[in-house]
Amino acid sequence: MAVWAAPLLFAAAGCAYRVTPPADVRHPATVYVADLGYHASLLLPAGDGGYAEFAYGQWRWFALNEDTWLDGIGAMLIPQRGALARRILVAPKNERELSSAIGSEAVLSIVVEARNAAELLSRLTQRWEQAAQTAHYNPVIGMTLVHDPSRYSALHNCNSVVTDWLRELGCRVRGGALWADFRLAD
């Protein structure tokens, strides 16, 4: 797998994810994609103005901070244990406060159908809670992570999982990148 995956990774390095929000939203809810540099997370409305942030990553890198360049190569080329991270944010006043609270370089605001956001929040919360016995808090990223049943790999990584979640919210996502480069489509 390593031989054919490497060219794909380098080819995607200069591109961005182009997100087209769903059209004709009747009951709007705002979700956010957080740009954390090479990594992205998704923030879903969680009631009372708060948000639940979810992210996906490779367990040792993301939960245990085993993040040397050699660890990174191994994480991308050899499928390994995945991690689902969660953090609950109490009612941020605006996007700047939200971005600051999670330490992101930027947040992308996307309006989706409220029902879809609530369903995805429910599904991800259930998935996280099913593995709660494996919970590990990482103070470096400020999130609590659990073992995820899916394997992390170059083709199933933090950014590709966020694109899958966006598609579940009714968005169309095109393109790809090594880094968390999510933009609204023109």
N, C-alpha and C. Protein backbone atom coordinates (compact mmCIF):
# COMPACT_ATOMS: atom_id res chain seq x y z
N MET A 1 0.82 -1.18 0.00
CA MET A 1 0.00 0.00 0.00
C MET A 1 0.87 1.26 0.00
N ALA A 2 1.99 1.25 0.68
CA ALA A 2 2.82 2.44 0.84
C ALA A 2 3.30 2.96 -0.51
N VAL A 3 3.59 2.07 -1.44
CA VAL A 3 4.13 2.48 -2.73
C VAL A 3 3.12 3.31 -3.52
N TRP A 4 1.87 2.90 -3.56
CA TRP A 4 0.89 3.65 -4.34
C TRP A 4 0.27 4.79 -3.56
N ALA A 5 0.30 4.79 -2.22
CA ALA A 5 -0.30 5.85 -1.42
C ALA A 5 0.53 7.13 -1.44
N ALA A 6 1.84 7.02 -1.48
CA ALA A 6 2.70 8.19 -1.43
C ALA A 6 2.41 9.18 -2.56
N PRO A 7 2.31 8.76 -3.83
CA PRO A 7 2.01 9.73 -4.89
C PRO A 7 0.65 10.41 -4.68
N LEU A 8 -0.32 9.68 -4.17
CA LEU A 8 -1.62 10.29 -3.89
C LEU A 8 -1.51 11.40 -2.86
N LEU A 9 -0.73 11.17 -1.83
CA LEU A 9 -0.55 12.16 -0.78
C LEU A 9 0.11 13.42 -1.32
N PHE A 10 1.16 13.26 -2.12
CA PHE A 10 1.85 14.42 -2.65
C PHE A 10 0.99 15.15 -3.69
N ALA A 11 0.20 14.43 -4.44
CA ALA A 11 -0.68 15.06 -5.43
C ALA A 11 -1.74 15.92 -4.76
N ALA A 12 -2.21 15.50 -3.59
CA ALA A 12 -3.27 16.23 -2.89
C ALA A 12 -2.76 17.41 -2.09
N ALA A 13 -1.46 17.55 -1.95
CA ALA A 13 -0.89 18.55 -1.05
C ALA A 13 -1.28 19.98 -1.41
N GLY A 14 -1.44 20.29 -2.68
CA GLY A 14 -1.71 21.67 -3.06
C GLY A 14 -3.17 22.01 -3.24
N CYS A 15 -4.07 21.10 -3.01
CA CYS A 15 -5.49 21.31 -3.26
C CYS A 15 -6.20 21.71 -1.97
N ALA A 16 -7.47 22.04 -2.13
CA ALA A 16 -8.32 22.37 -0.98
C ALA A 16 -9.62 21.60 -1.11
N TYR A 17 -10.29 21.45 0.01
CA TYR A 17 -11.63 20.89 0.01
C TYR A 17 -12.61 22.03 -0.28
N ARG A 18 -13.44 21.88 -1.28
CA ARG A 18 -14.44 22.89 -1.64
C ARG A 18 -15.80 22.38 -1.17
N VAL A 19 -16.42 23.13 -0.26
CA VAL A 19 -17.67 22.72 0.36
C VAL A 19 -18.82 23.54 -0.20
N THR A 20 -19.82 22.85 -0.73
CA THR A 20 -21.06 23.50 -1.16
C THR A 20 -22.13 23.14 -0.15
N PRO A 21 -22.63 24.14 0.59
CA PRO A 21 -23.67 23.86 1.58
C PRO A 21 -24.95 23.36 0.90
N PRO A 22 -25.82 22.70 1.66
CA PRO A 22 -27.07 22.25 1.07
C PRO A 22 -27.93 23.45 0.65
N ALA A 23 -28.66 23.26 -0.43
CA ALA A 23 -29.56 24.32 -0.90
C ALA A 23 -30.92 24.17 -0.22
N ASP A 24 -31.64 25.24 -0.17
CA ASP A 24 -33.03 25.22 0.31
C ASP A 24 -33.17 24.65 1.72
N VAL A 25 -32.40 25.20 2.65
CA VAL A 25 -32.46 24.77 4.05
C VAL A 25 -33.68 25.42 4.69
N ARG A 26 -34.58 24.62 5.25
CA ARG A 26 -35.83 25.15 5.83
C ARG A 26 -35.70 25.43 7.33
N HIS A 27 -34.95 24.62 8.03
CA HIS A 27 -34.74 24.78 9.47
C HIS A 27 -33.23 24.84 9.68
N PRO A 28 -32.65 26.05 9.62
CA PRO A 28 -31.18 26.18 9.61
C PRO A 28 -30.52 25.93 10.96
N ALA A 29 -29.34 25.38 10.88
CA ALA A 29 -28.43 25.25 12.01
C ALA A 29 -27.03 25.54 11.45
N THR A 30 -26.22 26.22 12.23
CA THR A 30 -24.86 26.53 11.80
C THR A 30 -23.89 25.53 12.41
N VAL A 31 -23.10 24.92 11.56
CA VAL A 31 -22.01 24.05 11.99
C VAL A 31 -20.71 24.72 11.58
N TYR A 32 -19.61 24.30 12.18
CA TYR A 32 -18.31 24.89 11.86
C TYR A 32 -17.30 23.80 11.59
N VAL A 33 -16.45 24.06 10.61
CA VAL A 33 -15.26 23.23 10.40
C VAL A 33 -14.10 24.06 10.93
N ALA A 34 -13.36 23.48 11.87
CA ALA A 34 -12.21 24.17 12.45
C ALA A 34 -10.94 23.76 11.72
N ASP A 35 -10.16 24.75 11.35
CA ASP A 35 -8.87 24.54 10.70
C ASP A 35 -7.81 24.58 11.79
N LEU A 36 -7.24 23.41 12.08
CA LEU A 36 -6.21 23.31 13.10
C LEU A 36 -4.84 23.07 12.47
N GLY A 37 -4.66 23.59 11.28
CA GLY A 37 -3.40 23.41 10.55
C GLY A 37 -3.49 22.22 9.63
N TYR A 38 -2.88 21.13 10.02
CA TYR A 38 -2.95 19.92 9.20
C TYR A 38 -4.20 19.11 9.49
N HIS A 39 -4.95 19.51 10.47
CA HIS A 39 -6.04 18.71 11.01
C HIS A 39 -7.31 19.54 11.08
N ALA A 40 -8.47 18.90 10.87
CA ALA A 40 -9.76 19.59 10.96
C ALA A 40 -10.66 18.90 11.97
N SER A 41 -11.60 19.66 12.49
CA SER A 41 -12.64 19.10 13.35
C SER A 41 -13.97 19.71 12.95
N LEU A 42 -15.05 19.11 13.43
CA LEU A 42 -16.40 19.58 13.13
C LEU A 42 -17.10 19.94 14.42
N LEU A 43 -17.73 21.11 14.44
CA LEU A 43 -18.48 21.56 15.61
C LEU A 43 -19.95 21.58 15.28
N LEU A 44 -20.73 20.87 16.10
CA LEU A 44 -22.17 20.73 15.89
C LEU A 44 -22.91 21.40 17.04
N PRO A 45 -24.04 22.08 16.74
CA PRO A 45 -24.82 22.69 17.82
C PRO A 45 -25.29 21.62 18.80
N ALA A 46 -25.10 21.92 20.10
CA ALA A 46 -25.41 20.92 21.14
C ALA A 46 -26.43 21.44 22.15
N GLY A 47 -27.18 22.45 21.80
CA GLY A 47 -28.19 22.99 22.69
C GLY A 47 -27.66 24.09 23.59
N ASP A 48 -28.55 24.97 24.02
CA ASP A 48 -28.21 26.10 24.91
C ASP A 48 -27.08 26.95 24.35
N GLY A 49 -26.94 27.01 23.03
CA GLY A 49 -25.91 27.83 22.41
C GLY A 49 -24.53 27.20 22.39
N GLY A 50 -24.39 26.01 22.98
CA GLY A 50 -23.10 25.34 23.02
C GLY A 50 -22.85 24.50 21.78
N TYR A 51 -21.63 24.00 21.68
CA TYR A 51 -21.24 23.16 20.55
C TYR A 51 -20.49 21.94 21.05
N ALA A 52 -20.66 20.84 20.32
CA ALA A 52 -19.86 19.64 20.54
C ALA A 52 -18.89 19.55 19.38
N GLU A 53 -17.61 19.51 19.71
CA GLU A 53 -16.57 19.40 18.69
C GLU A 53 -16.14 17.95 18.60
N PHE A 54 -16.09 17.42 17.39
CA PHE A 54 -15.64 16.06 17.13
C PHE A 54 -14.49 16.10 16.14
N ALA A 55 -13.53 15.22 16.35
CA ALA A 55 -12.39 15.09 15.45
C ALA A 55 -11.99 13.62 15.40
N TYR A 56 -11.32 13.26 14.34
CA TYR A 56 -10.86 11.88 14.14
C TYR A 56 -9.36 11.91 13.91
N GLY A 57 -8.67 10.89 14.39
CA GLY A 57 -7.23 10.83 14.16
C GLY A 57 -6.67 9.45 14.45
N GLN A 58 -5.37 9.33 14.34
CA GLN A 58 -4.67 8.09 14.66
C GLN A 58 -4.40 8.10 16.16
N TRP A 59 -4.68 7.00 16.85
CA TRP A 59 -4.66 6.95 18.31
C TRP A 59 -3.34 7.43 18.91
N ARG A 60 -2.24 6.81 18.52
CA ARG A 60 -0.97 7.14 19.17
C ARG A 60 -0.57 8.60 18.89
N TRP A 61 -0.76 9.06 17.69
CA TRP A 61 -0.40 10.43 17.33
C TRP A 61 -1.32 11.42 18.04
N PHE A 62 -2.62 11.19 17.93
CA PHE A 62 -3.64 12.16 18.37
C PHE A 62 -3.89 12.12 19.88
N ALA A 63 -3.92 10.93 20.45
CA ALA A 63 -4.22 10.80 21.88
C ALA A 63 -2.97 10.83 22.75
N LEU A 64 -1.89 10.23 22.28
CA LEU A 64 -0.70 10.05 23.11
C LEU A 64 0.45 10.98 22.75
N ASN A 65 0.25 11.83 21.75
CA ASN A 65 1.26 12.80 21.30
C ASN A 65 2.55 12.14 20.82
N GLU A 66 2.46 10.95 20.26
CA GLU A 66 3.62 10.32 19.63
C GLU A 66 3.67 10.85 18.20
N ASP A 67 4.29 12.04 18.05
CA ASP A 67 4.14 12.78 16.81
C ASP A 67 5.46 13.23 16.17
N THR A 68 6.44 12.34 16.16
CA THR A 68 7.65 12.64 15.42
C THR A 68 7.37 12.44 13.92
N TRP A 69 8.28 12.87 13.08
CA TRP A 69 8.07 12.69 11.64
C TRP A 69 7.98 11.21 11.29
N LEU A 70 8.73 10.37 11.99
CA LEU A 70 8.68 8.93 11.73
C LEU A 70 7.32 8.36 12.13
N ASP A 71 6.78 8.82 13.27
CA ASP A 71 5.43 8.41 13.69
C ASP A 71 4.41 8.82 12.63
N GLY A 72 4.58 10.02 12.06
CA GLY A 72 3.66 10.51 11.05
C GLY A 72 3.66 9.66 9.79
N ILE A 73 4.85 9.27 9.36
CA ILE A 73 4.94 8.41 8.18
C ILE A 73 4.25 7.07 8.45
N GLY A 74 4.52 6.50 9.61
CA GLY A 74 3.88 5.24 9.97
C GLY A 74 2.37 5.37 10.05
N ALA A 75 1.89 6.47 10.63
CA ALA A 75 0.45 6.69 10.77
C ALA A 75 -0.24 6.78 9.42
N MET A 76 0.43 7.37 8.44
CA MET A 76 -0.18 7.54 7.12
C MET A 76 -0.09 6.28 6.25
N LEU A 77 0.97 5.51 6.42
CA LEU A 77 1.20 4.40 5.50
C LEU A 77 0.76 3.03 6.01
N ILE A 78 0.62 2.89 7.32
CA ILE A 78 0.22 1.60 7.89
C ILE A 78 -1.09 1.81 8.66
N PRO A 79 -2.20 1.21 8.18
CA PRO A 79 -3.47 1.39 8.89
C PRO A 79 -3.32 1.03 10.37
N GLN A 80 -3.80 1.93 11.23
CA GLN A 80 -3.65 1.76 12.67
C GLN A 80 -4.94 2.16 13.38
N ARG A 81 -4.94 1.98 14.71
CA ARG A 81 -6.12 2.28 15.51
C ARG A 81 -6.53 3.74 15.34
N GLY A 82 -7.82 3.94 15.10
CA GLY A 82 -8.38 5.28 15.00
C GLY A 82 -8.81 5.79 16.36
N ALA A 83 -8.98 7.10 16.45
CA ALA A 83 -9.43 7.74 17.68
C ALA A 83 -10.53 8.74 17.34
N LEU A 84 -11.57 8.76 18.15
CA LEU A 84 -12.63 9.76 18.03
C LEU A 84 -12.51 10.69 19.23
N ALA A 85 -12.33 11.97 18.95
CA ALA A 85 -12.14 12.98 20.00
C ALA A 85 -13.40 13.81 20.14
N ARG A 86 -13.65 14.25 21.38
CA ARG A 86 -14.82 15.09 21.64
C ARG A 86 -14.47 16.14 22.69
N ARG A 87 -15.08 17.31 22.50
CA ARG A 87 -14.97 18.39 23.48
C ARG A 87 -16.30 19.15 23.42
N ILE A 88 -16.82 19.55 24.58
CA ILE A 88 -18.05 20.32 24.66
C ILE A 88 -17.67 21.77 24.96
N LEU A 89 -18.20 22.68 24.16
CA LEU A 89 -17.92 24.11 24.33
C LEU A 89 -19.20 24.81 24.78
N VAL A 90 -19.09 25.61 25.83
CA VAL A 90 -20.23 26.36 26.33
C VAL A 90 -20.38 27.63 25.51
N ALA A 91 -21.55 27.83 24.99
CA ALA A 91 -22.01 29.00 24.24
C ALA A 91 -20.99 30.09 23.92
N PRO A 92 -20.18 29.90 22.87
CA PRO A 92 -19.29 30.98 22.44
C PRO A 92 -20.12 32.14 21.89
N LYS A 93 -19.67 33.36 22.11
CA LYS A 93 -20.43 34.55 21.70
C LYS A 93 -20.37 34.82 20.20
N ASN A 94 -19.24 34.43 19.58
CA ASN A 94 -19.07 34.69 18.15
C ASN A 94 -18.00 33.75 17.60
N GLU A 95 -17.75 33.86 16.30
CA GLU A 95 -16.78 32.97 15.65
C GLU A 95 -15.37 33.19 16.18
N ARG A 96 -15.02 34.42 16.49
CA ARG A 96 -13.68 34.71 17.01
C ARG A 96 -13.48 34.00 18.35
N GLU A 97 -14.47 34.08 19.24
CA GLU A 97 -14.38 33.42 20.54
C GLU A 97 -14.34 31.90 20.37
N LEU A 98 -15.14 31.39 19.43
CA LEU A 98 -15.14 29.96 19.15
C LEU A 98 -13.77 29.52 18.66
N SER A 99 -13.21 30.23 17.71
CA SER A 99 -11.90 29.90 17.16
C SER A 99 -10.83 29.93 18.25
N SER A 100 -10.88 30.94 19.09
CA SER A 100 -9.91 31.08 20.18
C SER A 100 -10.04 29.93 21.20
N ALA A 101 -11.28 29.55 21.51
CA ALA A 101 -11.52 28.49 22.50
C ALA A 101 -10.94 27.15 22.08
N ILE A 102 -10.92 26.89 20.78
CA ILE A 102 -10.42 25.60 20.31
C ILE A 102 -9.01 25.68 19.75
N GLY A 103 -8.46 26.87 19.70
CA GLY A 103 -7.10 27.03 19.20
C GLY A 103 -6.97 26.83 17.71
N SER A 104 -8.01 27.19 16.97
CA SER A 104 -7.96 26.98 15.52
C SER A 104 -7.44 28.20 14.80
N GLU A 105 -6.89 27.96 13.63
CA GLU A 105 -6.43 29.05 12.78
C GLU A 105 -7.61 29.78 12.18
N ALA A 106 -8.69 29.06 11.94
CA ALA A 106 -9.89 29.63 11.35
C ALA A 106 -11.05 28.66 11.54
N VAL A 107 -12.25 29.17 11.45
CA VAL A 107 -13.43 28.31 11.42
C VAL A 107 -14.26 28.67 10.19
N LEU A 108 -14.79 27.66 9.55
CA LEU A 108 -15.64 27.85 8.38
C LEU A 108 -17.07 27.60 8.82
N SER A 109 -17.91 28.59 8.66
CA SER A 109 -19.32 28.53 9.05
C SER A 109 -20.14 27.97 7.89
N ILE A 110 -20.97 26.96 8.17
CA ILE A 110 -21.80 26.34 7.14
C ILE A 110 -23.21 26.16 7.69
N VAL A 111 -24.21 26.61 6.94
CA VAL A 111 -25.60 26.45 7.34
C VAL A 111 -26.14 25.16 6.73
N VAL A 112 -26.68 24.32 7.60
CA VAL A 112 -27.23 23.03 7.18
C VAL A 112 -28.62 22.86 7.78
N GLU A 113 -29.28 21.79 7.42
CA GLU A 113 -30.59 21.47 7.99
C GLU A 113 -30.39 21.03 9.44
N ALA A 114 -31.15 21.64 10.35
CA ALA A 114 -31.02 21.37 11.79
C ALA A 114 -31.21 19.89 12.11
N ARG A 115 -32.14 19.25 11.45
CA ARG A 115 -32.40 17.82 11.70
C ARG A 115 -31.17 16.97 11.38
N ASN A 116 -30.49 17.29 10.28
CA ASN A 116 -29.29 16.55 9.91
C ASN A 116 -28.17 16.75 10.93
N ALA A 117 -28.04 18.00 11.41
CA ALA A 117 -27.01 18.28 12.43
C ALA A 117 -27.32 17.53 13.72
N ALA A 118 -28.58 17.50 14.13
CA ALA A 118 -28.98 16.80 15.36
C ALA A 118 -28.75 15.29 15.22
N GLU A 119 -29.05 14.74 14.05
CA GLU A 119 -28.85 13.30 13.82
C GLU A 119 -27.37 12.94 13.85
N LEU A 120 -26.53 13.76 13.23
CA LEU A 120 -25.09 13.48 13.24
C LEU A 120 -24.53 13.63 14.65
N LEU A 121 -24.97 14.65 15.38
CA LEU A 121 -24.55 14.81 16.78
C LEU A 121 -24.92 13.58 17.60
N SER A 122 -26.12 13.09 17.43
CA SER A 122 -26.59 11.90 18.16
C SER A 122 -25.74 10.68 17.82
N ARG A 123 -25.49 10.48 16.52
CA ARG A 123 -24.72 9.31 16.08
C ARG A 123 -23.28 9.36 16.58
N LEU A 124 -22.64 10.54 16.48
CA LEU A 124 -21.25 10.65 16.93
C LEU A 124 -21.16 10.54 18.45
N THR A 125 -22.12 11.10 19.16
CA THR A 125 -22.14 10.99 20.63
C THR A 125 -22.29 9.53 21.04
N GLN A 126 -23.17 8.81 20.38
CA GLN A 126 -23.36 7.39 20.68
C GLN A 126 -22.09 6.60 20.37
N ARG A 127 -21.48 6.89 19.25
CA ARG A 127 -20.23 6.20 18.87
C ARG A 127 -19.14 6.46 19.90
N TRP A 128 -19.04 7.72 20.38
CA TRP A 128 -18.04 8.09 21.38
C TRP A 128 -18.36 7.39 22.71
N GLU A 129 -19.61 7.40 23.11
CA GLU A 129 -20.00 6.81 24.40
C GLU A 129 -19.86 5.29 24.42
N GLN A 130 -20.00 4.63 23.27
CA GLN A 130 -19.83 3.18 23.21
C GLN A 130 -18.40 2.77 23.54
N ALA A 131 -17.46 3.68 23.36
CA ALA A 131 -16.06 3.38 23.65
C ALA A 131 -15.54 4.17 24.86
N ALA A 132 -16.45 4.71 25.66
CA ALA A 132 -16.06 5.59 26.77
C ALA A 132 -15.09 4.94 27.75
N GLN A 133 -15.10 3.61 27.86
CA GLN A 133 -14.18 2.93 28.78
C GLN A 133 -12.73 3.09 28.35
N THR A 134 -12.50 3.51 27.10
CA THR A 134 -11.13 3.71 26.61
C THR A 134 -10.73 5.19 26.65
N ALA A 135 -11.55 6.03 27.26
CA ALA A 135 -11.35 7.49 27.23
C ALA A 135 -9.97 7.89 27.77
N HIS A 136 -9.37 8.81 27.05
CA HIS A 136 -8.06 9.37 27.43
C HIS A 136 -8.09 10.86 27.14
N TYR A 137 -7.85 11.68 28.16
CA TYR A 137 -7.82 13.13 27.97
C TYR A 137 -6.41 13.54 27.55
N ASN A 138 -6.33 14.31 26.47
CA ASN A 138 -5.05 14.84 26.00
C ASN A 138 -5.05 16.35 26.28
N PRO A 139 -4.28 16.79 27.27
CA PRO A 139 -4.27 18.21 27.61
C PRO A 139 -3.65 19.09 26.53
N VAL A 140 -2.83 18.52 25.66
CA VAL A 140 -2.21 19.31 24.59
C VAL A 140 -3.27 19.81 23.62
N ILE A 141 -4.23 18.97 23.28
CA ILE A 141 -5.29 19.38 22.35
C ILE A 141 -6.58 19.74 23.07
N GLY A 142 -6.66 19.45 24.37
CA GLY A 142 -7.85 19.80 25.15
C GLY A 142 -9.08 18.99 24.82
N MET A 143 -8.88 17.76 24.35
CA MET A 143 -10.01 16.90 23.99
C MET A 143 -9.85 15.53 24.65
N THR A 144 -10.99 14.87 24.81
CA THR A 144 -10.99 13.50 25.33
C THR A 144 -11.23 12.57 24.15
N LEU A 145 -10.37 11.57 24.03
CA LEU A 145 -10.40 10.65 22.89
C LEU A 145 -10.74 9.25 23.34
N VAL A 146 -11.41 8.53 22.45
CA VAL A 146 -11.73 7.12 22.67
C VAL A 146 -11.28 6.32 21.45
N HIS A 147 -11.11 5.02 21.64
CA HIS A 147 -10.79 4.15 20.51
C HIS A 147 -11.96 4.16 19.54
N ASP A 148 -11.66 4.28 18.26
CA ASP A 148 -12.69 4.23 17.24
C ASP A 148 -12.56 2.91 16.49
N PRO A 149 -13.68 2.30 16.10
CA PRO A 149 -13.59 1.01 15.42
C PRO A 149 -12.97 1.08 14.02
N SER A 150 -12.95 2.27 13.41
CA SER A 150 -12.36 2.35 12.07
C SER A 150 -10.85 2.53 12.17
N ARG A 151 -10.16 2.08 11.16
CA ARG A 151 -8.69 2.16 11.10
C ARG A 151 -8.29 3.47 10.44
N TYR A 152 -7.30 4.14 11.00
CA TYR A 152 -6.74 5.35 10.44
C TYR A 152 -5.72 4.97 9.38
N SER A 153 -5.76 5.67 8.24
CA SER A 153 -4.78 5.44 7.18
C SER A 153 -4.71 6.69 6.31
N ALA A 154 -3.85 6.66 5.32
CA ALA A 154 -3.71 7.80 4.41
C ALA A 154 -5.01 8.13 3.71
N LEU A 155 -5.81 7.12 3.42
CA LEU A 155 -7.06 7.34 2.70
C LEU A 155 -8.27 7.46 3.63
N HIS A 156 -8.06 7.25 4.92
CA HIS A 156 -9.12 7.41 5.92
C HIS A 156 -8.51 8.15 7.11
N ASN A 157 -8.41 9.47 6.94
CA ASN A 157 -7.70 10.29 7.93
C ASN A 157 -8.62 11.37 8.48
N CYS A 158 -8.07 12.25 9.30
CA CYS A 158 -8.86 13.28 9.97
C CYS A 158 -9.67 14.12 8.99
N ASN A 159 -9.08 14.54 7.90
CA ASN A 159 -9.76 15.41 6.96
C ASN A 159 -10.78 14.66 6.10
N SER A 160 -10.47 13.44 5.71
CA SER A 160 -11.44 12.69 4.91
C SER A 160 -12.67 12.33 5.75
N VAL A 161 -12.48 12.10 7.04
CA VAL A 161 -13.62 11.81 7.92
C VAL A 161 -14.49 13.05 8.08
N VAL A 162 -13.88 14.23 8.22
CA VAL A 162 -14.67 15.46 8.30
C VAL A 162 -15.47 15.65 7.01
N THR A 163 -14.89 15.33 5.85
CA THR A 163 -15.64 15.45 4.60
C THR A 163 -16.82 14.48 4.59
N ASP A 164 -16.64 13.28 5.13
CA ASP A 164 -17.75 12.33 5.23
C ASP A 164 -18.87 12.89 6.10
N TRP A 165 -18.49 13.50 7.23
CA TRP A 165 -19.50 14.10 8.12
C TRP A 165 -20.23 15.24 7.42
N LEU A 166 -19.50 16.05 6.68
CA LEU A 166 -20.14 17.14 5.94
C LEU A 166 -21.13 16.62 4.91
N ARG A 167 -20.78 15.54 4.26
CA ARG A 167 -21.71 14.94 3.29
C ARG A 167 -22.97 14.43 3.99
N GLU A 168 -22.81 13.89 5.21
CA GLU A 168 -23.98 13.47 5.97
C GLU A 168 -24.88 14.66 6.31
N LEU A 169 -24.31 15.84 6.38
CA LEU A 169 -25.08 17.05 6.66
C LEU A 169 -25.71 17.64 5.40
N GLY A 170 -25.51 16.98 4.27
CA GLY A 170 -26.11 17.44 3.02
C GLY A 170 -25.21 18.32 2.18
N CYS A 171 -23.97 18.48 2.57
CA CYS A 171 -23.02 19.28 1.81
C CYS A 171 -22.41 18.46 0.68
N ARG A 172 -21.99 19.15 -0.35
CA ARG A 172 -21.20 18.52 -1.40
C ARG A 172 -19.76 18.95 -1.17
N VAL A 173 -18.84 18.00 -1.19
CA VAL A 173 -17.43 18.30 -0.95
C VAL A 173 -16.62 17.75 -2.12
N ARG A 174 -15.82 18.65 -2.69
CA ARG A 174 -14.93 18.26 -3.79
C ARG A 174 -13.50 18.58 -3.41
N GLY A 175 -12.59 17.91 -4.07
CA GLY A 175 -11.17 18.18 -3.85
C GLY A 175 -10.60 17.41 -2.69
N GLY A 176 -9.40 17.77 -2.32
CA GLY A 176 -8.72 17.12 -1.22
C GLY A 176 -7.43 17.84 -0.92
N ALA A 177 -6.90 17.56 0.25
CA ALA A 177 -5.66 18.22 0.66
C ALA A 177 -5.02 17.41 1.78
N LEU A 178 -3.73 17.61 1.96
CA LEU A 178 -3.05 17.01 3.11
C LEU A 178 -3.42 17.78 4.37
N TRP A 179 -3.63 19.09 4.24
CA TRP A 179 -3.90 19.94 5.39
C TRP A 179 -5.39 20.23 5.48
N ALA A 180 -5.82 20.79 6.57
CA ALA A 180 -7.22 21.13 6.79
C ALA A 180 -7.55 22.42 6.04
N ASP A 181 -7.66 22.34 4.76
CA ASP A 181 -7.93 23.50 3.93
C ASP A 181 -9.34 23.38 3.36
N PHE A 182 -10.33 23.77 4.18
CA PHE A 182 -11.73 23.70 3.79
C PHE A 182 -12.19 25.11 3.43
N ARG A 183 -12.83 25.24 2.27
CA ARG A 183 -13.33 26.53 1.81
C ARG A 183 -14.70 26.35 1.19
N LEU A 184 -15.51 27.40 1.28
CA LEU A 184 -16.80 27.36 0.59
C LEU A 184 -16.55 27.42 -0.90
N ALA A 185 -17.32 26.63 -1.64
CA ALA A 185 -17.20 26.64 -3.10
C ALA A 185 -17.74 27.96 -3.64
N ASP A 186 -17.17 28.41 -4.74
CA ASP A 186 -17.62 29.67 -5.36
C ASP A 186 -18.98 29.47 -5.98
